[in-house]
Amino acid sequence: MAVDGEKSEAEGKVWNLCKMPFWQSSNASSSSSSSSSSMNNISSSNSINVYQQNQSSQVLGRSSGGNSSNVSTMAKSLLPTRRRLRLDPPSKLYFPYEPGKQVRSAISIKNTCRSHVAFKFQTTAPKSCYMRPPGGILAPGESLIATVFKFVEPPENNERLLDQKSKVKFKIMSLKVKGEMDYVPELFDEQKDQVAVEQILRVIFLDPERPSPVMDKLKRQLAEADAALEARKKPPEEAGPRIVGEGLVIDEWKERRERYLARQQVEGVDSV
């Protein structure tokens, strides 16, 4: 009985299709075929996308291990260079404005590293500027005050002080060195890859007749630089007389002279 029912249901569906116009029947069949084909395409495309994602993840997983070092190296190269020197003033050189004269500025340089550091000055106007010292080597924690000399050009067309803008710039470079050694400028040429630019210094003019904290500080630094220079020029003091025992001063020349006089007196007495 179930078989006969299924047959009658199937025959009813066929009869309904036969009664439908030909254009509807064709559309129904085409839509069913197109829907089935579209479902097949979607499933195939999804499988392709999943395969491509798996392949790309595998490639990235294999390449990440080899490229990690390159990425870290590139990241380190983009980081700012750590300062080796501390400068005071940090970015400017102050000069008293005296047209037609040679004026001085001063800058304190301190080594903030745990190793010895060599420093070197450079300027865009080597004919009108020079530094003392032009370079040197500082021990860890050591500092000095460098003096910078500059000739101030007379103004043109009666320009005022505030209108004077110097294009001269100074550059301080640093280089780590191994221990104490004599400074030579060739150190920076031999190890170019290890040289770091500490700072580009701009020139600022000050009115010498107008008191200001910056001008007072410049005068103090120049006085300290002059005192340090005189101390280096002064010859080492000679060793004084030798002290033996409890504060007994022995003068060898005086002692010899007294012995000689005593011997002469004894010889004179004997001859008489």
C-alpha atoms as a PDB file:
ATOM      1  CA  MET A   1       0.000   0.000   0.000  1.00  0.00           C
ATOM      2  CA  ALA A   2       2.835   2.402   0.694  1.00  0.00           C
ATOM      3  CA  VAL A   3       4.324   1.689  -2.710  1.00  0.00           C
ATOM      4  CA  ASP A   4       1.065   2.497  -4.426  1.00  0.00           C
ATOM      5  CA  GLY A   5       0.815   5.782  -2.484  1.00  0.00           C
ATOM      6  CA  GLU A   6       4.311   6.845  -3.515  1.00  0.00           C
ATOM      7  CA  LYS A   7       3.557   6.028  -7.124  1.00  0.00           C
ATOM      8  CA  SER A   8       0.355   8.072  -7.060  1.00  0.00           C
ATOM      9  CA  GLU A   9       2.229  11.043  -5.535  1.00  0.00           C
ATOM     10  CA  ALA A  10       4.926  10.857  -8.188  1.00  0.00           C
ATOM     11  CA  GLU A  11       2.355  10.587 -10.961  1.00  0.00           C
ATOM     12  CA  GLY A  12       0.615  13.684  -9.511  1.00  0.00           C
ATOM     13  CA  LYS A  13       3.839  15.697  -9.699  1.00  0.00           C
ATOM     14  CA  VAL A  14       4.431  14.598 -13.281  1.00  0.00           C
ATOM     15  CA  TRP A  15       0.869  15.519 -14.217  1.00  0.00           C
ATOM     16  CA  ASN A  16       1.293  18.972 -12.654  1.00  0.00           C
ATOM     17  CA  LEU A  17       4.455  19.514 -14.660  1.00  0.00           C
ATOM     18  CA  CYS A  18       2.701  18.471 -17.787  1.00  0.00           C
ATOM     19  CA  LYS A  19      -0.111  20.954 -17.142  1.00  0.00           C
ATOM     20  CA  MET A  20       2.418  23.873 -16.604  1.00  0.00           C
ATOM     21  CA  PRO A  21       3.230  26.020 -19.667  1.00  0.00           C
ATOM     22  CA  PHE A  22       6.466  25.209 -21.394  1.00  0.00           C
ATOM     23  CA  TRP A  23       8.148  28.452 -20.404  1.00  0.00           C
ATOM     24  CA  GLN A  24       7.547  27.915 -16.690  1.00  0.00           C
ATOM     25  CA  SER A  25       8.740  24.360 -16.777  1.00  0.00           C
ATOM     26  CA  SER A  26      11.944  25.335 -18.512  1.00  0.00           C
ATOM     27  CA  ASN A  27      12.573  28.142 -16.036  1.00  0.00           C
ATOM     28  CA  ALA A  28      12.006  25.844 -13.104  1.00  0.00           C
ATOM     29  CA  SER A  29      14.381  23.264 -14.403  1.00  0.00           C
ATOM     30  CA  SER A  30      17.016  25.873 -15.273  1.00  0.00           C
ATOM     31  CA  SER A  31      16.730  27.582 -11.902  1.00  0.00           C
ATOM     32  CA  SER A  32      17.158  24.295 -10.113  1.00  0.00           C
ATOM     33  CA  SER A  33      20.206  23.455 -12.190  1.00  0.00           C
ATOM     34  CA  SER A  34      21.687  26.937 -11.781  1.00  0.00           C
ATOM     35  CA  SER A  35      21.164  26.859  -8.035  1.00  0.00           C
ATOM     36  CA  SER A  36      22.858  23.522  -7.799  1.00  0.00           C
ATOM     37  CA  SER A  37      25.763  24.720  -9.938  1.00  0.00           C
ATOM     38  CA  SER A  38      26.116  27.919  -7.891  1.00  0.00           C
ATOM     39  CA  MET A  39      26.224  25.886  -4.696  1.00  0.00           C
ATOM     40  CA  ASN A  40      28.930  23.730  -6.217  1.00  0.00           C
ATOM     41  CA  ASN A  41      30.926  26.854  -7.215  1.00  0.00           C
ATOM     42  CA  ILE A  42      30.604  28.387  -3.752  1.00  0.00           C
ATOM     43  CA  SER A  43      31.753  25.210  -2.067  1.00  0.00           C
ATOM     44  CA  SER A  44      34.673  24.867  -4.462  1.00  0.00           C
ATOM     45  CA  SER A  45      35.699  28.524  -3.991  1.00  0.00           C
ATOM     46  CA  ASN A  46      35.520  28.164  -0.235  1.00  0.00           C
ATOM     47  CA  SER A  47      37.722  25.127  -0.360  1.00  0.00           C
ATOM     48  CA  ILE A  48      40.224  26.991  -2.556  1.00  0.00           C
ATOM     49  CA  ASN A  49      40.324  29.929  -0.131  1.00  0.00           C
ATOM     50  CA  VAL A  50      40.881  27.636   2.821  1.00  0.00           C
ATOM     51  CA  TYR A  51      43.701  25.899   0.959  1.00  0.00           C
ATOM     52  CA  GLN A  52      45.350  29.215   0.073  1.00  0.00           C
ATOM     53  CA  GLN A  53      45.123  30.431   3.655  1.00  0.00           C
ATOM     54  CA  ASN A  54      46.704  27.243   4.939  1.00  0.00           C
ATOM     55  CA  GLN A  55      49.504  27.516   2.403  1.00  0.00           C
ATOM     56  CA  SER A  56      50.184  31.175   3.223  1.00  0.00           C
ATOM     57  CA  SER A  57      50.226  30.486   6.957  1.00  0.00           C
ATOM     58  CA  GLN A  58      52.698  27.662   6.435  1.00  0.00           C
ATOM     59  CA  VAL A  59      54.957  29.889   4.315  1.00  0.00           C
ATOM     60  CA  LEU A  60      54.834  32.663   6.906  1.00  0.00           C
ATOM     61  CA  GLY A  61      55.581  30.182   9.667  1.00  0.00           C
ATOM     62  CA  ARG A  62      58.658  28.927   7.822  1.00  0.00           C
ATOM     63  CA  SER A  63      59.920  32.381   6.900  1.00  0.00           C
ATOM     64  CA  SER A  64      59.316  34.042  10.263  1.00  0.00           C
ATOM     65  CA  GLY A  65      62.206  32.234  11.879  1.00  0.00           C
ATOM     66  CA  GLY A  66      64.697  33.381   9.234  1.00  0.00           C
ATOM     67  CA  ASN A  67      63.459  36.960   8.998  1.00  0.00           C
ATOM     68  CA  SER A  68      63.158  37.667  12.726  1.00  0.00           C
ATOM     69  CA  SER A  69      66.821  38.592  12.981  1.00  0.00           C
ATOM     70  CA  ASN A  70      66.548  40.915   9.985  1.00  0.00           C
ATOM     71  CA  VAL A  71      63.530  42.620  11.483  1.00  0.00           C
ATOM     72  CA  SER A  72      65.275  43.116  14.825  1.00  0.00           C
ATOM     73  CA  THR A  73      68.356  44.526  13.090  1.00  0.00           C
ATOM     74  CA  MET A  74      66.230  46.957  11.132  1.00  0.00           C
ATOM     75  CA  ALA A  75      64.387  48.014  14.270  1.00  0.00           C
ATOM     76  CA  LYS A  76      67.665  48.677  16.087  1.00  0.00           C
ATOM     77  CA  SER A  77      68.926  50.799  13.194  1.00  0.00           C
ATOM     78  CA  LEU A  78      65.834  53.004  13.450  1.00  0.00           C
ATOM     79  CA  LEU A  79      66.308  53.650  17.167  1.00  0.00           C
ATOM     80  CA  PRO A  80      67.975  56.972  18.115  1.00  0.00           C
ATOM     81  CA  THR A  81      71.664  56.850  18.990  1.00  0.00           C
ATOM     82  CA  ARG A  82      72.371  56.948  22.701  1.00  0.00           C
ATOM     83  CA  ARG A  83      74.223  60.063  23.795  1.00  0.00           C
ATOM     84  CA  ARG A  84      77.767  59.569  25.016  1.00  0.00           C
ATOM     85  CA  LEU A  85      78.457  63.167  25.991  1.00  0.00           C
ATOM     86  CA  ARG A  86      76.535  65.724  28.005  1.00  0.00           C
ATOM     87  CA  LEU A  87      76.899  69.269  26.723  1.00  0.00           C
ATOM     88  CA  ASP A  88      76.296  72.553  28.526  1.00  0.00           C
ATOM     89  CA  PRO A  89      74.841  74.551  26.771  1.00  0.00           C
ATOM     90  CA  PRO A  90      73.162  71.581  25.076  1.00  0.00           C
ATOM     91  CA  SER A  91      72.460  72.957  21.585  1.00  0.00           C
ATOM     92  CA  LYS A  92      73.788  76.527  21.230  1.00  0.00           C
ATOM     93  CA  LEU A  93      77.027  78.468  21.346  1.00  0.00           C
ATOM     94  CA  TYR A  94      76.719  81.979  22.774  1.00  0.00           C
ATOM     95  CA  PHE A  95      79.123  84.691  21.608  1.00  0.00           C
ATOM     96  CA  PRO A  96      79.309  88.338  22.665  1.00  0.00           C
ATOM     97  CA  TYR A  97      78.480  90.506  19.685  1.00  0.00           C
ATOM     98  CA  GLU A  98      81.540  92.669  19.016  1.00  0.00           C
ATOM     99  CA  PRO A  99      81.790  93.410  15.277  1.00  0.00           C
ATOM    100  CA  GLY A 100      85.291  93.332  13.821  1.00  0.00           C
ATOM    101  CA  LYS A 101      86.737  91.428  16.795  1.00  0.00           C
ATOM    102  CA  GLN A 102      87.526  87.867  17.707  1.00  0.00           C
ATOM    103  CA  VAL A 103      85.177  86.686  20.437  1.00  0.00           C
ATOM    104  CA  ARG A 104      84.985  83.523  22.524  1.00  0.00           C
ATOM    105  CA  SER A 105      82.368  81.043  23.596  1.00  0.00           C
ATOM    106  CA  ALA A 106      82.586  78.073  25.961  1.00  0.00           C
ATOM    107  CA  ILE A 107      80.918  74.689  26.251  1.00  0.00           C
ATOM    108  CA  SER A 108      81.210  72.022  28.924  1.00  0.00           C
ATOM    109  CA  ILE A 109      81.682  68.440  27.690  1.00  0.00           C
ATOM    110  CA  LYS A 110      81.252  65.465  30.035  1.00  0.00           C
ATOM    111  CA  ASN A 111      81.634  61.766  29.297  1.00  0.00           C
ATOM    112  CA  THR A 112      78.540  59.911  30.549  1.00  0.00           C
ATOM    113  CA  CYS A 113      79.661  56.442  29.356  1.00  0.00           C
ATOM    114  CA  ARG A 114      81.426  53.669  31.222  1.00  0.00           C
ATOM    115  CA  SER A 115      84.203  53.625  28.628  1.00  0.00           C
ATOM    116  CA  HIS A 116      86.619  56.215  27.284  1.00  0.00           C
ATOM    117  CA  VAL A 117      85.125  58.474  24.620  1.00  0.00           C
ATOM    118  CA  ALA A 118      86.872  60.571  22.006  1.00  0.00           C
ATOM    119  CA  PHE A 119      85.246  63.786  20.814  1.00  0.00           C
ATOM    120  CA  LYS A 120      85.881  66.025  17.851  1.00  0.00           C
ATOM    121  CA  PHE A 121      84.732  69.481  16.714  1.00  0.00           C
ATOM    122  CA  GLN A 122      83.792  70.451  13.184  1.00  0.00           C
ATOM    123  CA  THR A 123      82.583  73.779  11.825  1.00  0.00           C
ATOM    124  CA  THR A 124      81.127  75.126   8.606  1.00  0.00           C
ATOM    125  CA  ALA A 125      83.506  78.127   8.777  1.00  0.00           C
ATOM    126  CA  PRO A 126      87.012  76.798   9.476  1.00  0.00           C
ATOM    127  CA  LYS A 127      88.629  80.053   8.257  1.00  0.00           C
ATOM    128  CA  SER A 128      86.945  82.266  10.854  1.00  0.00           C
ATOM    129  CA  CYS A 129      86.443  79.766  13.706  1.00  0.00           C
ATOM    130  CA  TYR A 130      88.581  77.350  15.646  1.00  0.00           C
ATOM    131  CA  MET A 131      88.268  75.312  18.846  1.00  0.00           C
ATOM    132  CA  ARG A 132      90.573  74.717  21.803  1.00  0.00           C
ATOM    133  CA  PRO A 133      90.980  71.826  22.123  1.00  0.00           C
ATOM    134  CA  PRO A 134      89.680  70.668  18.710  1.00  0.00           C
ATOM    135  CA  GLY A 135      89.303  67.152  20.103  1.00  0.00           C
ATOM    136  CA  GLY A 136      90.333  64.867  22.886  1.00  0.00           C
ATOM    137  CA  ILE A 137      89.632  61.728  24.913  1.00  0.00           C
ATOM    138  CA  LEU A 138      87.640  61.747  28.132  1.00  0.00           C
ATOM    139  CA  ALA A 139      87.701  59.043  30.778  1.00  0.00           C
ATOM    140  CA  PRO A 140      84.389  57.835  32.257  1.00  0.00           C
ATOM    141  CA  GLY A 141      82.849  60.719  34.203  1.00  0.00           C
ATOM    142  CA  GLU A 142      85.585  63.166  33.123  1.00  0.00           C
ATOM    143  CA  SER A 143      84.666  66.621  31.871  1.00  0.00           C
ATOM    144  CA  LEU A 144      86.320  69.721  30.440  1.00  0.00           C
ATOM    145  CA  ILE A 145      85.376  73.150  29.139  1.00  0.00           C
ATOM    146  CA  ALA A 146      86.247  73.769  25.498  1.00  0.00           C
ATOM    147  CA  THR A 147      86.729  77.293  24.176  1.00  0.00           C
ATOM    148  CA  VAL A 148      85.465  78.288  20.738  1.00  0.00           C
ATOM    149  CA  PHE A 149      86.882  81.318  18.926  1.00  0.00           C
ATOM    150  CA  LYS A 150      85.024  83.212  16.223  1.00  0.00           C
ATOM    151  CA  PHE A 151      85.672  86.375  14.243  1.00  0.00           C
ATOM    152  CA  VAL A 152      82.560  88.546  14.055  1.00  0.00           C
ATOM    153  CA  GLU A 153      82.072  90.164  10.681  1.00  0.00           C
ATOM    154  CA  PRO A 154      81.154  93.873  10.720  1.00  0.00           C
ATOM    155  CA  PRO A 155      77.481  94.492   9.953  1.00  0.00           C
ATOM    156  CA  GLU A 156      76.309  95.533   6.520  1.00  0.00           C
ATOM    157  CA  ASN A 157      73.944  98.439   5.876  1.00  0.00           C
ATOM    158  CA  ASN A 158      73.911  99.382   9.571  1.00  0.00           C
ATOM    159  CA  GLU A 159      72.076  96.229  10.613  1.00  0.00           C
ATOM    160  CA  ARG A 160      71.084  95.987  14.231  1.00  0.00           C
ATOM    161  CA  LEU A 161      72.196  93.277  16.651  1.00  0.00           C
ATOM    162  CA  LEU A 162      68.826  91.550  16.565  1.00  0.00           C
ATOM    163  CA  ASP A 163      69.029  91.365  12.781  1.00  0.00           C
ATOM    164  CA  GLN A 164      72.323  89.505  12.839  1.00  0.00           C
ATOM    165  CA  LYS A 165      71.766  85.850  11.969  1.00  0.00           C
ATOM    166  CA  SER A 166      74.863  83.718  11.729  1.00  0.00           C
ATOM    167  CA  LYS A 167      74.773  80.730   9.401  1.00  0.00           C
ATOM    168  CA  VAL A 168      77.848  79.224  11.058  1.00  0.00           C
ATOM    169  CA  LYS A 169      77.246  75.888  12.762  1.00  0.00           C
ATOM    170  CA  PHE A 170      79.373  73.571  14.854  1.00  0.00           C
ATOM    171  CA  LYS A 171      79.166  69.807  15.128  1.00  0.00           C
ATOM    172  CA  ILE A 172      80.417  67.606  17.957  1.00  0.00           C
ATOM    173  CA  MET A 173      81.075  63.935  17.192  1.00  0.00           C
ATOM    174  CA  SER A 174      81.926  61.107  19.567  1.00  0.00           C
ATOM    175  CA  LEU A 175      83.625  57.725  19.351  1.00  0.00           C
ATOM    176  CA  LYS A 176      84.148  54.998  21.938  1.00  0.00           C
ATOM    177  CA  VAL A 177      87.786  53.994  22.377  1.00  0.00           C
ATOM    178  CA  LYS A 178      89.521  51.253  24.334  1.00  0.00           C
ATOM    179  CA  GLY A 179      91.203  52.701  27.382  1.00  0.00           C
ATOM    180  CA  GLU A 180      93.629  55.583  27.620  1.00  0.00           C
ATOM    181  CA  MET A 181      95.434  56.595  24.439  1.00  0.00           C
ATOM    182  CA  ASP A 182      96.747  59.652  22.664  1.00  0.00           C
ATOM    183  CA  TYR A 183      94.141  61.557  20.695  1.00  0.00           C
ATOM    184  CA  VAL A 184      94.631  61.776  16.937  1.00  0.00           C
ATOM    185  CA  PRO A 185      91.963  62.983  14.464  1.00  0.00           C
ATOM    186  CA  GLU A 186      92.536  59.884  12.334  1.00  0.00           C
ATOM    187  CA  LEU A 187      90.598  57.829  14.894  1.00  0.00           C
ATOM    188  CA  PHE A 188      87.352  59.136  13.418  1.00  0.00           C
ATOM    189  CA  ASP A 189      88.428  58.223   9.882  1.00  0.00           C
ATOM    190  CA  GLU A 190      89.472  54.697  10.812  1.00  0.00           C
ATOM    191  CA  GLN A 191      86.177  53.876  12.588  1.00  0.00           C
ATOM    192  CA  LYS A 192      83.551  55.786  10.622  1.00  0.00           C
ATOM    193  CA  ASP A 193      80.853  53.208  11.354  1.00  0.00           C
ATOM    194  CA  GLN A 194      81.179  53.784  15.111  1.00  0.00           C
ATOM    195  CA  VAL A 195      81.126  57.596  14.994  1.00  0.00           C
ATOM    196  CA  ALA A 196      78.014  59.304  16.375  1.00  0.00           C
ATOM    197  CA  VAL A 197      76.945  62.905  15.904  1.00  0.00           C
ATOM    198  CA  GLU A 198      76.251  64.238  19.369  1.00  0.00           C
ATOM    199  CA  GLN A 199      74.839  67.651  18.514  1.00  0.00           C
ATOM    200  CA  ILE A 200      74.656  70.415  15.918  1.00  0.00           C
ATOM    201  CA  LEU A 201      75.322  73.727  17.680  1.00  0.00           C
ATOM    202  CA  ARG A 202      73.876  77.017  16.457  1.00  0.00           C
ATOM    203  CA  VAL A 203      75.525  80.385  17.003  1.00  0.00           C
ATOM    204  CA  ILE A 204      73.657  82.932  19.138  1.00  0.00           C
ATOM    205  CA  PHE A 205      74.961  86.479  19.676  1.00  0.00           C
ATOM    206  CA  LEU A 206      74.610  88.276  22.994  1.00  0.00           C
ATOM    207  CA  ASP A 207      74.805  91.948  23.782  1.00  0.00           C
ATOM    208  CA  PRO A 208      77.917  92.285  26.000  1.00  0.00           C
ATOM    209  CA  GLU A 209      76.617  95.520  27.572  1.00  0.00           C
ATOM    210  CA  ARG A 210      73.295  94.004  28.558  1.00  0.00           C
ATOM    211  CA  PRO A 211      73.488  91.786  31.670  1.00  0.00           C
ATOM    212  CA  SER A 212      71.745  88.435  31.457  1.00  0.00           C
ATOM    213  CA  PRO A 213      72.005  85.013  33.141  1.00  0.00           C
ATOM    214  CA  VAL A 214      73.329  83.506  29.897  1.00  0.00           C
ATOM    215  CA  MET A 215      76.079  86.114  29.669  1.00  0.00           C
ATOM    216  CA  ASP A 216      77.056  85.592  33.320  1.00  0.00           C
ATOM    217  CA  LYS A 217      77.251  81.847  32.807  1.00  0.00           C
ATOM    218  CA  LEU A 218      79.410  82.324  29.705  1.00  0.00           C
ATOM    219  CA  LYS A 219      81.841  84.494  31.683  1.00  0.00           C
ATOM    220  CA  ARG A 220      82.110  81.849  34.428  1.00  0.00           C
ATOM    221  CA  GLN A 221      82.799  79.085  31.932  1.00  0.00           C
ATOM    222  CA  LEU A 222      85.452  81.153  30.169  1.00  0.00           C
ATOM    223  CA  ALA A 223      87.149  81.880  33.505  1.00  0.00           C
ATOM    224  CA  GLU A 224      87.176  78.157  34.360  1.00  0.00           C
ATOM    225  CA  ALA A 225      88.590  77.315  30.926  1.00  0.00           C
ATOM    226  CA  ASP A 226      91.379  79.896  31.336  1.00  0.00           C
ATOM    227  CA  ALA A 227      92.250  78.573  34.788  1.00  0.00           C
ATOM    228  CA  ALA A 228      92.433  75.002  33.514  1.00  0.00           C
ATOM    229  CA  LEU A 229      94.670  76.105  30.638  1.00  0.00           C
ATOM    230  CA  GLU A 230      97.070  77.891  32.980  1.00  0.00           C
ATOM    231  CA  ALA A 231      97.194  74.833  35.224  1.00  0.00           C
ATOM    232  CA  ARG A 232      98.204  72.677  32.259  1.00  0.00           C
ATOM    233  CA  LYS A 233     100.896  75.148  31.196  1.00  0.00           C
ATOM    234  CA  LYS A 234     102.412  75.394  34.680  1.00  0.00           C
ATOM    235  CA  PRO A 235     105.424  73.087  35.024  1.00  0.00           C
ATOM    236  CA  PRO A 236     105.275  70.474  37.765  1.00  0.00           C
ATOM    237  CA  GLU A 237     106.746  71.607  41.043  1.00  0.00           C
ATOM    238  CA  GLU A 238     110.178  70.245  41.871  1.00  0.00           C
ATOM    239  CA  ALA A 239     110.430  67.850  44.753  1.00  0.00           C
ATOM    240  CA  GLY A 240     111.302  69.613  47.964  1.00  0.00           C
ATOM    241  CA  PRO A 241     113.967  68.586  50.464  1.00  0.00           C
ATOM    242  CA  ARG A 242     113.776  65.114  51.828  1.00  0.00           C
ATOM    243  CA  ILE A 243     112.171  64.699  55.239  1.00  0.00           C
ATOM    244  CA  VAL A 244     113.506  61.935  57.410  1.00  0.00           C
ATOM    245  CA  GLY A 245     112.327  60.818  60.850  1.00  0.00           C
ATOM    246  CA  GLU A 246     110.270  63.269  62.884  1.00  0.00           C
ATOM    247  CA  GLY A 247     110.306  66.271  60.574  1.00  0.00           C
ATOM    248  CA  LEU A 248     114.106  66.402  60.217  1.00  0.00           C
ATOM    249  CA  VAL A 249     115.013  68.272  57.012  1.00  0.00           C
ATOM    250  CA  ILE A 250     118.213  67.114  55.415  1.00  0.00           C
ATOM    251  CA  ASP A 251     119.951  69.489  53.051  1.00  0.00           C
ATOM    252  CA  GLU A 252     122.736  67.511  51.432  1.00  0.00           C
ATOM    253  CA  TRP A 253     124.584  70.543  50.079  1.00  0.00           C
ATOM    254  CA  LYS A 254     124.563  72.314  53.462  1.00  0.00           C
ATOM    255  CA  GLU A 255     125.677  69.163  55.232  1.00  0.00           C
ATOM    256  CA  ARG A 256     128.603  68.680  52.872  1.00  0.00           C
ATOM    257  CA  ARG A 257     129.664  72.300  53.271  1.00  0.00           C
ATOM    258  CA  GLU A 258     129.690  72.040  57.056  1.00  0.00           C
ATOM    259  CA  ARG A 259     131.792  68.877  56.893  1.00  0.00           C
ATOM    260  CA  TYR A 260     134.240  70.568  54.568  1.00  0.00           C
ATOM    261  CA  LEU A 261     134.653  73.583  56.873  1.00  0.00           C
ATOM    262  CA  ALA A 262     135.117  71.356  59.899  1.00  0.00           C
ATOM    263  CA  ARG A 263     137.795  69.358  58.080  1.00  0.00           C
ATOM    264  CA  GLN A 264     139.600  72.537  57.105  1.00  0.00           C
ATOM    265  CA  GLN A 265     139.681  73.698  60.706  1.00  0.00           C
ATOM    266  CA  VAL A 266     141.087  70.396  61.909  1.00  0.00           C
ATOM    267  CA  GLU A 267     143.788  70.412  59.265  1.00  0.00           C
ATOM    268  CA  GLY A 268     144.736  74.011  60.227  1.00  0.00           C
ATOM    269  CA  VAL A 269     145.117  73.069  63.868  1.00  0.00           C
ATOM    270  CA  ASP A 270     147.282  70.086  63.040  1.00  0.00           C
ATOM    271  CA  SER A 271     149.565  72.135  60.862  1.00  0.00           C
ATOM    272  CA  VAL A 272     150.174  74.628  63.637  1.00  0.00           C
END
